[in-house]
Amino acid sequence: MKMKIKFISIVLLLAFVFCSTAQITHGKITYERKTNLHKRFKHWEDVKEWIKESEKVKIDEFELYFNDTVSYFMPIESEYREQYEWATNKNKTYQFFNQDVKITHKKIWGEEFILKDSVSKRNWKITDNQRNIAGYVCRKAIWVENDSSKIYAWYTNELEPSTGPESFNGLPGVILGLATEDGGTVYFAKKVDIIKPNESIFILPKSKKKPVKSEEFKKQLVKDYGKEKWGKAMILNNFGGVN
């Protein structure tokens, strides 16, 4: 009898260890994004005159649905009209891991454009720094965007897919925290739900618009609006930083 109890105890212990180390391949994550509008529009000399100090931080919420082959990042729309609604982007991003395809639905001046590219590839430097986000131990990684700007990410390898907010990926797990070097834009997961998303949520909506590559779209914007101060700011805000 003692041998039987001992055997059962070992089996249960092994099962516990396996379950605790097994990676999760599906779920839904709710993110909060804080954007410091003074930093976002720092190239505009009079930004502090038309955005008050008490109103400079804009908060948006997003959801990320994922399984082992695809992820979908989308904004949670408010039923109320937002202050400075125009000041931040609310992209919808699909990442198809097995197909090396990324689809982004981007709104500019109220008009939606569809961008189709390869999944983004970044050279991350993984550090030993750790922190807890939404109940998960996360490790810090750094990506040097250009000579003067860095992006910080915190990922957990408990959630398996290489994905995260917007089009970010490339780490050994899901990114639960993301921030620009100056702290102007910061994403943090508020909640992780271990659910199996309905497959219909990953189906691309029908559209009459033809997808274009991001680089081609950016070149067209530069050609049309690149000489204007506001045009330069619009292009920077849509194709620089983390969104």
C-alpha atoms as a PDB file:
ATOM      1  CA  MET A   1       0.000   0.000   0.000  1.00  0.00           C
ATOM      2  CA  LYS A   2       2.831   2.401   0.894  1.00  0.00           C
ATOM      3  CA  MET A   3       4.537   1.670  -2.441  1.00  0.00           C
ATOM      4  CA  LYS A   4       1.280   2.370  -4.269  1.00  0.00           C
ATOM      5  CA  ILE A   5       0.814   5.705  -2.480  1.00  0.00           C
ATOM      6  CA  LYS A   6       4.433   6.630  -3.182  1.00  0.00           C
ATOM      7  CA  PHE A   7       3.980   5.770  -6.874  1.00  0.00           C
ATOM      8  CA  ILE A   8       0.821   7.889  -7.130  1.00  0.00           C
ATOM      9  CA  SER A   9       2.590  10.797  -5.398  1.00  0.00           C
ATOM     10  CA  ILE A  10       5.457  10.664  -7.900  1.00  0.00           C
ATOM     11  CA  VAL A  11       3.039  10.582 -10.838  1.00  0.00           C
ATOM     12  CA  LEU A  12       1.138  13.586  -9.478  1.00  0.00           C
ATOM     13  CA  LEU A  13       4.381  15.484  -8.876  1.00  0.00           C
ATOM     14  CA  LEU A  14       5.582  14.820 -12.425  1.00  0.00           C
ATOM     15  CA  ALA A  15       2.206  15.898 -13.798  1.00  0.00           C
ATOM     16  CA  PHE A  16       2.406  19.121 -11.777  1.00  0.00           C
ATOM     17  CA  VAL A  17       5.935  19.862 -13.002  1.00  0.00           C
ATOM     18  CA  PHE A  18       4.906  19.196 -16.616  1.00  0.00           C
ATOM     19  CA  CYS A  19       1.856  21.432 -16.387  1.00  0.00           C
ATOM     20  CA  SER A  20       3.790  24.230 -14.709  1.00  0.00           C
ATOM     21  CA  THR A  21       6.486  24.248 -17.400  1.00  0.00           C
ATOM     22  CA  ALA A  22       4.277  23.591 -20.437  1.00  0.00           C
ATOM     23  CA  GLN A  23       3.868  26.643 -22.639  1.00  0.00           C
ATOM     24  CA  ILE A  24       0.439  28.097 -23.351  1.00  0.00           C
ATOM     25  CA  THR A  25      -0.337  28.424 -27.069  1.00  0.00           C
ATOM     26  CA  HIS A  26      -3.641  30.323 -27.075  1.00  0.00           C
ATOM     27  CA  GLY A  27      -5.346  33.140 -25.240  1.00  0.00           C
ATOM     28  CA  LYS A  28      -6.477  36.759 -25.051  1.00  0.00           C
ATOM     29  CA  ILE A  29      -4.461  39.603 -23.542  1.00  0.00           C
ATOM     30  CA  THR A  30      -5.818  43.013 -22.588  1.00  0.00           C
ATOM     31  CA  TYR A  31      -3.290  45.852 -22.846  1.00  0.00           C
ATOM     32  CA  GLU A  32      -3.292  49.432 -21.660  1.00  0.00           C
ATOM     33  CA  ARG A  33      -1.290  51.946 -23.681  1.00  0.00           C
ATOM     34  CA  LYS A  34      -0.213  55.260 -22.176  1.00  0.00           C
ATOM     35  CA  THR A  35       0.964  57.927 -24.607  1.00  0.00           C
ATOM     36  CA  ASN A  36       2.618  61.130 -23.451  1.00  0.00           C
ATOM     37  CA  LEU A  37       1.374  63.577 -26.084  1.00  0.00           C
ATOM     38  CA  HIS A  38       3.998  66.183 -25.209  1.00  0.00           C
ATOM     39  CA  LYS A  39       6.700  63.647 -26.059  1.00  0.00           C
ATOM     40  CA  ARG A  40       4.813  62.251 -29.046  1.00  0.00           C
ATOM     41  CA  PHE A  41       4.527  65.707 -30.615  1.00  0.00           C
ATOM     42  CA  LYS A  42       7.826  67.078 -29.307  1.00  0.00           C
ATOM     43  CA  HIS A  43       8.702  68.266 -32.816  1.00  0.00           C
ATOM     44  CA  TRP A  44       5.824  70.745 -32.620  1.00  0.00           C
ATOM     45  CA  GLU A  45       7.120  73.816 -30.793  1.00  0.00           C
ATOM     46  CA  ASP A  46       3.722  74.924 -29.486  1.00  0.00           C
ATOM     47  CA  VAL A  47       2.450  71.498 -28.385  1.00  0.00           C
ATOM     48  CA  LYS A  48       2.345  72.504 -24.699  1.00  0.00           C
ATOM     49  CA  GLU A  49       0.134  75.459 -25.550  1.00  0.00           C
ATOM     50  CA  TRP A  50      -2.710  73.386 -27.040  1.00  0.00           C
ATOM     51  CA  ILE A  51      -2.320  70.221 -24.931  1.00  0.00           C
ATOM     52  CA  LYS A  52      -2.442  71.048 -21.224  1.00  0.00           C
ATOM     53  CA  GLU A  53      -0.057  69.423 -18.755  1.00  0.00           C
ATOM     54  CA  SER A  54      -2.995  67.714 -17.005  1.00  0.00           C
ATOM     55  CA  GLU A  55      -4.165  66.214 -20.327  1.00  0.00           C
ATOM     56  CA  LYS A  56      -0.837  65.122 -21.794  1.00  0.00           C
ATOM     57  CA  VAL A  57      -1.218  61.375 -21.019  1.00  0.00           C
ATOM     58  CA  LYS A  58      -3.714  59.608 -23.289  1.00  0.00           C
ATOM     59  CA  ILE A  59      -4.811  56.075 -22.392  1.00  0.00           C
ATOM     60  CA  ASP A  60      -6.003  53.520 -24.967  1.00  0.00           C
ATOM     61  CA  GLU A  61      -6.870  49.852 -24.516  1.00  0.00           C
ATOM     62  CA  PHE A  62      -6.266  46.917 -26.855  1.00  0.00           C
ATOM     63  CA  GLU A  63      -6.793  43.171 -27.056  1.00  0.00           C
ATOM     64  CA  LEU A  64      -4.444  40.571 -28.490  1.00  0.00           C
ATOM     65  CA  TYR A  65      -5.914  37.209 -29.536  1.00  0.00           C
ATOM     66  CA  PHE A  66      -3.469  34.455 -30.384  1.00  0.00           C
ATOM     67  CA  ASN A  67      -2.975  30.772 -31.101  1.00  0.00           C
ATOM     68  CA  ASP A  68       0.041  28.837 -32.357  1.00  0.00           C
ATOM     69  CA  THR A  69      -0.259  30.096 -35.977  1.00  0.00           C
ATOM     70  CA  VAL A  70      -1.717  33.616 -35.892  1.00  0.00           C
ATOM     71  CA  SER A  71      -2.307  36.654 -33.690  1.00  0.00           C
ATOM     72  CA  TYR A  72      -4.706  39.581 -33.989  1.00  0.00           C
ATOM     73  CA  PHE A  73      -4.120  42.891 -32.192  1.00  0.00           C
ATOM     74  CA  MET A  74      -7.084  45.273 -32.076  1.00  0.00           C
ATOM     75  CA  PRO A  75      -8.240  48.418 -30.244  1.00  0.00           C
ATOM     76  CA  ILE A  76     -11.060  48.361 -27.726  1.00  0.00           C
ATOM     77  CA  GLU A  77     -13.295  51.126 -29.000  1.00  0.00           C
ATOM     78  CA  SER A  78     -14.932  53.462 -26.509  1.00  0.00           C
ATOM     79  CA  GLU A  79     -18.614  54.306 -26.790  1.00  0.00           C
ATOM     80  CA  TYR A  80     -17.772  57.871 -25.787  1.00  0.00           C
ATOM     81  CA  ARG A  81     -15.985  60.473 -27.865  1.00  0.00           C
ATOM     82  CA  GLU A  82     -12.368  60.645 -26.765  1.00  0.00           C
ATOM     83  CA  GLN A  83     -10.416  63.798 -26.130  1.00  0.00           C
ATOM     84  CA  TYR A  84      -7.528  64.076 -28.612  1.00  0.00           C
ATOM     85  CA  GLU A  85      -8.899  61.059 -30.462  1.00  0.00           C
ATOM     86  CA  TRP A  86      -6.789  62.019 -33.496  1.00  0.00           C
ATOM     87  CA  ALA A  87      -3.541  62.107 -31.482  1.00  0.00           C
ATOM     88  CA  THR A  88      -2.816  58.358 -31.313  1.00  0.00           C
ATOM     89  CA  ASN A  89      -3.040  55.475 -33.763  1.00  0.00           C
ATOM     90  CA  LYS A  90      -5.327  52.503 -33.257  1.00  0.00           C
ATOM     91  CA  ASN A  91      -4.052  49.942 -35.703  1.00  0.00           C
ATOM     92  CA  LYS A  92      -5.434  46.477 -36.252  1.00  0.00           C
ATOM     93  CA  THR A  93      -2.631  44.004 -36.901  1.00  0.00           C
ATOM     94  CA  TYR A  94      -2.711  40.361 -38.002  1.00  0.00           C
ATOM     95  CA  GLN A  95       0.464  38.270 -37.872  1.00  0.00           C
ATOM     96  CA  PHE A  96       0.409  34.915 -39.670  1.00  0.00           C
ATOM     97  CA  PHE A  97       3.479  33.156 -38.300  1.00  0.00           C
ATOM     98  CA  ASN A  98       3.571  30.174 -40.679  1.00  0.00           C
ATOM     99  CA  GLN A  99       3.031  32.337 -43.756  1.00  0.00           C
ATOM    100  CA  ASP A 100       5.452  35.142 -42.827  1.00  0.00           C
ATOM    101  CA  VAL A 101       2.675  37.663 -43.506  1.00  0.00           C
ATOM    102  CA  LYS A 102       1.627  40.741 -41.563  1.00  0.00           C
ATOM    103  CA  ILE A 103      -1.562  42.675 -42.354  1.00  0.00           C
ATOM    104  CA  THR A 104      -2.094  46.105 -40.792  1.00  0.00           C
ATOM    105  CA  HIS A 105      -5.287  48.139 -40.984  1.00  0.00           C
ATOM    106  CA  LYS A 106      -4.218  51.745 -40.419  1.00  0.00           C
ATOM    107  CA  LYS A 107      -6.445  54.818 -40.245  1.00  0.00           C
ATOM    108  CA  ILE A 108      -5.139  58.197 -41.360  1.00  0.00           C
ATOM    109  CA  TRP A 109      -7.503  61.178 -41.227  1.00  0.00           C
ATOM    110  CA  GLY A 110     -10.446  58.812 -40.858  1.00  0.00           C
ATOM    111  CA  GLU A 111      -9.615  56.749 -43.952  1.00  0.00           C
ATOM    112  CA  GLU A 112      -8.496  53.151 -43.516  1.00  0.00           C
ATOM    113  CA  PHE A 113      -5.560  51.741 -45.463  1.00  0.00           C
ATOM    114  CA  ILE A 114      -4.437  48.109 -45.628  1.00  0.00           C
ATOM    115  CA  LEU A 115      -0.732  47.354 -45.481  1.00  0.00           C
ATOM    116  CA  LYS A 116       0.674  43.922 -46.316  1.00  0.00           C
ATOM    117  CA  ASP A 117       4.260  43.042 -45.417  1.00  0.00           C
ATOM    118  CA  SER A 118       6.460  40.235 -44.220  1.00  0.00           C
ATOM    119  CA  VAL A 119       6.430  39.648 -40.464  1.00  0.00           C
ATOM    120  CA  SER A 120       8.786  42.195 -38.882  1.00  0.00           C
ATOM    121  CA  LYS A 121      12.275  40.994 -37.999  1.00  0.00           C
ATOM    122  CA  ARG A 122      14.277  42.681 -35.246  1.00  0.00           C
ATOM    123  CA  ASN A 123      17.578  41.861 -33.575  1.00  0.00           C
ATOM    124  CA  TRP A 124      16.764  41.824 -29.879  1.00  0.00           C
ATOM    125  CA  LYS A 125      19.307  41.827 -27.077  1.00  0.00           C
ATOM    126  CA  ILE A 126      17.925  39.730 -24.208  1.00  0.00           C
ATOM    127  CA  THR A 127      19.009  40.799 -20.714  1.00  0.00           C
ATOM    128  CA  ASP A 128      18.846  39.179 -17.284  1.00  0.00           C
ATOM    129  CA  ASN A 129      16.451  41.818 -15.925  1.00  0.00           C
ATOM    130  CA  GLN A 130      13.039  40.498 -14.899  1.00  0.00           C
ATOM    131  CA  ARG A 131       9.710  41.853 -13.705  1.00  0.00           C
ATOM    132  CA  ASN A 132       6.206  40.531 -13.090  1.00  0.00           C
ATOM    133  CA  ILE A 133       3.469  41.623 -15.500  1.00  0.00           C
ATOM    134  CA  ALA A 134      -0.147  40.423 -15.190  1.00  0.00           C
ATOM    135  CA  GLY A 135       1.016  37.496 -13.038  1.00  0.00           C
ATOM    136  CA  TYR A 136       3.784  36.325 -15.395  1.00  0.00           C
ATOM    137  CA  VAL A 137       7.535  36.530 -14.907  1.00  0.00           C
ATOM    138  CA  CYS A 138       8.891  38.516 -17.850  1.00  0.00           C
ATOM    139  CA  ARG A 139      12.407  39.043 -19.109  1.00  0.00           C
ATOM    140  CA  LYS A 140      13.617  42.341 -20.553  1.00  0.00           C
ATOM    141  CA  ALA A 141      14.895  42.663 -24.117  1.00  0.00           C
ATOM    142  CA  ILE A 142      16.204  45.702 -26.019  1.00  0.00           C
ATOM    143  CA  TRP A 143      15.948  46.592 -29.696  1.00  0.00           C
ATOM    144  CA  VAL A 144      17.920  49.511 -31.113  1.00  0.00           C
ATOM    145  CA  GLU A 145      15.495  51.121 -33.559  1.00  0.00           C
ATOM    146  CA  ASN A 146      18.059  53.613 -34.847  1.00  0.00           C
ATOM    147  CA  ASP A 147      21.234  55.296 -33.650  1.00  0.00           C
ATOM    148  CA  SER A 148      19.395  57.365 -31.063  1.00  0.00           C
ATOM    149  CA  SER A 149      16.336  55.352 -30.049  1.00  0.00           C
ATOM    150  CA  LYS A 150      15.694  52.052 -28.279  1.00  0.00           C
ATOM    151  CA  ILE A 151      12.594  49.938 -27.685  1.00  0.00           C
ATOM    152  CA  TYR A 152      12.292  47.938 -24.473  1.00  0.00           C
ATOM    153  CA  ALA A 153      10.192  44.779 -24.308  1.00  0.00           C
ATOM    154  CA  TRP A 154       9.279  42.378 -21.514  1.00  0.00           C
ATOM    155  CA  TYR A 155       8.271  38.891 -22.645  1.00  0.00           C
ATOM    156  CA  THR A 156       7.214  35.682 -20.945  1.00  0.00           C
ATOM    157  CA  ASN A 157       8.151  32.259 -22.271  1.00  0.00           C
ATOM    158  CA  GLU A 158       5.110  30.804 -20.493  1.00  0.00           C
ATOM    159  CA  LEU A 159       3.044  32.038 -23.439  1.00  0.00           C
ATOM    160  CA  GLU A 160       4.540  30.418 -26.513  1.00  0.00           C
ATOM    161  CA  PRO A 161       3.819  32.416 -29.708  1.00  0.00           C
ATOM    162  CA  SER A 162       6.371  35.035 -30.705  1.00  0.00           C
ATOM    163  CA  THR A 163       4.005  37.997 -30.824  1.00  0.00           C
ATOM    164  CA  GLY A 164       2.983  41.108 -28.929  1.00  0.00           C
ATOM    165  CA  PRO A 165       1.447  44.596 -29.243  1.00  0.00           C
ATOM    166  CA  GLU A 166       1.194  46.124 -32.713  1.00  0.00           C
ATOM    167  CA  SER A 167       3.555  44.173 -35.019  1.00  0.00           C
ATOM    168  CA  PHE A 168       6.168  43.324 -32.400  1.00  0.00           C
ATOM    169  CA  ASN A 169       7.544  39.793 -32.146  1.00  0.00           C
ATOM    170  CA  GLY A 170      10.863  37.951 -32.444  1.00  0.00           C
ATOM    171  CA  LEU A 171      11.266  36.932 -28.797  1.00  0.00           C
ATOM    172  CA  PRO A 172      10.869  33.464 -27.195  1.00  0.00           C
ATOM    173  CA  GLY A 173       7.313  34.198 -26.052  1.00  0.00           C
ATOM    174  CA  VAL A 174       4.564  36.799 -25.941  1.00  0.00           C
ATOM    175  CA  ILE A 175       5.518  40.424 -25.197  1.00  0.00           C
ATOM    176  CA  LEU A 176       3.499  41.693 -22.226  1.00  0.00           C
ATOM    177  CA  GLY A 177       5.270  45.047 -21.847  1.00  0.00           C
ATOM    178  CA  LEU A 178       6.654  47.444 -24.457  1.00  0.00           C
ATOM    179  CA  ALA A 179       8.071  50.960 -24.159  1.00  0.00           C
ATOM    180  CA  THR A 180       9.995  53.588 -26.090  1.00  0.00           C
ATOM    181  CA  GLU A 181      13.267  54.724 -24.570  1.00  0.00           C
ATOM    182  CA  ASP A 182      11.877  58.094 -23.484  1.00  0.00           C
ATOM    183  CA  GLY A 183       8.755  56.510 -21.970  1.00  0.00           C
ATOM    184  CA  GLY A 184       6.568  58.433 -24.397  1.00  0.00           C
ATOM    185  CA  THR A 185       4.617  55.326 -25.374  1.00  0.00           C
ATOM    186  CA  VAL A 186       4.172  52.390 -23.005  1.00  0.00           C
ATOM    187  CA  TYR A 187       2.118  49.196 -23.333  1.00  0.00           C
ATOM    188  CA  PHE A 188       1.482  46.874 -20.399  1.00  0.00           C
ATOM    189  CA  ALA A 189      -0.759  43.815 -20.183  1.00  0.00           C
ATOM    190  CA  LYS A 190      -3.498  44.237 -17.593  1.00  0.00           C
ATOM    191  CA  LYS A 191      -5.016  40.779 -17.908  1.00  0.00           C
ATOM    192  CA  VAL A 192      -4.277  37.424 -19.554  1.00  0.00           C
ATOM    193  CA  ASP A 193      -7.191  35.072 -20.286  1.00  0.00           C
ATOM    194  CA  ILE A 194      -6.291  31.495 -21.188  1.00  0.00           C
ATOM    195  CA  ILE A 195      -9.044  30.844 -23.721  1.00  0.00           C
ATOM    196  CA  LYS A 196      -9.228  29.396 -27.203  1.00  0.00           C
ATOM    197  CA  PRO A 197     -10.263  32.284 -29.474  1.00  0.00           C
ATOM    198  CA  ASN A 198     -12.924  31.548 -32.056  1.00  0.00           C
ATOM    199  CA  GLU A 199     -11.190  30.952 -35.394  1.00  0.00           C
ATOM    200  CA  SER A 200     -13.475  33.512 -37.035  1.00  0.00           C
ATOM    201  CA  ILE A 201     -11.675  36.350 -35.260  1.00  0.00           C
ATOM    202  CA  PHE A 202      -8.554  35.620 -37.325  1.00  0.00           C
ATOM    203  CA  ILE A 203     -10.366  35.821 -40.681  1.00  0.00           C
ATOM    204  CA  LEU A 204      -9.465  38.981 -42.580  1.00  0.00           C
ATOM    205  CA  PRO A 205     -12.481  41.230 -43.212  1.00  0.00           C
ATOM    206  CA  LYS A 206     -13.469  41.754 -46.842  1.00  0.00           C
ATOM    207  CA  SER A 207     -12.397  45.057 -48.327  1.00  0.00           C
ATOM    208  CA  LYS A 208     -12.418  46.697 -51.730  1.00  0.00           C
ATOM    209  CA  LYS A 209      -9.089  48.312 -50.951  1.00  0.00           C
ATOM    210  CA  LYS A 210      -5.986  46.682 -52.372  1.00  0.00           C
ATOM    211  CA  PRO A 211      -3.234  45.997 -49.800  1.00  0.00           C
ATOM    212  CA  VAL A 212       0.039  47.858 -50.363  1.00  0.00           C
ATOM    213  CA  LYS A 213       3.490  47.496 -48.852  1.00  0.00           C
ATOM    214  CA  SER A 214       4.300  49.816 -45.954  1.00  0.00           C
ATOM    215  CA  GLU A 215       7.405  51.190 -47.647  1.00  0.00           C
ATOM    216  CA  GLU A 216       5.482  52.052 -50.826  1.00  0.00           C
ATOM    217  CA  PHE A 217       2.712  53.682 -48.828  1.00  0.00           C
ATOM    218  CA  LYS A 218       5.210  55.726 -46.816  1.00  0.00           C
ATOM    219  CA  LYS A 219       6.973  56.907 -50.003  1.00  0.00           C
ATOM    220  CA  GLN A 220       3.649  58.107 -51.396  1.00  0.00           C
ATOM    221  CA  LEU A 221       2.889  60.029 -48.197  1.00  0.00           C
ATOM    222  CA  VAL A 222       6.341  61.626 -48.304  1.00  0.00           C
ATOM    223  CA  LYS A 223       5.778  62.624 -51.939  1.00  0.00           C
ATOM    224  CA  ASP A 224       2.342  64.096 -51.259  1.00  0.00           C
ATOM    225  CA  TYR A 225       2.801  65.674 -47.830  1.00  0.00           C
ATOM    226  CA  GLY A 226       6.489  65.466 -46.901  1.00  0.00           C
ATOM    227  CA  LYS A 227       7.198  69.155 -47.498  1.00  0.00           C
ATOM    228  CA  GLU A 228       4.623  70.295 -44.958  1.00  0.00           C
ATOM    229  CA  LYS A 229       5.426  70.523 -41.247  1.00  0.00           C
ATOM    230  CA  TRP A 230       2.210  68.770 -40.287  1.00  0.00           C
ATOM    231  CA  GLY A 231       2.819  66.176 -43.021  1.00  0.00           C
ATOM    232  CA  LYS A 232       6.241  65.316 -41.652  1.00  0.00           C
ATOM    233  CA  ALA A 233       4.747  64.919 -38.174  1.00  0.00           C
ATOM    234  CA  MET A 234       1.961  62.693 -39.511  1.00  0.00           C
ATOM    235  CA  ILE A 235       4.439  60.429 -41.312  1.00  0.00           C
ATOM    236  CA  LEU A 236       6.678  60.219 -38.231  1.00  0.00           C
ATOM    237  CA  ASN A 237       3.743  59.402 -35.970  1.00  0.00           C
ATOM    238  CA  ASN A 238       2.536  56.616 -38.258  1.00  0.00           C
ATOM    239  CA  PHE A 239       5.846  55.005 -39.146  1.00  0.00           C
ATOM    240  CA  GLY A 240       8.128  55.765 -36.213  1.00  0.00           C
ATOM    241  CA  GLY A 241       8.309  54.431 -32.647  1.00  0.00           C
ATOM    242  CA  VAL A 242       6.034  51.580 -31.600  1.00  0.00           C
ATOM    243  CA  ASN A 243       2.904  52.342 -33.579  1.00  0.00           C
END
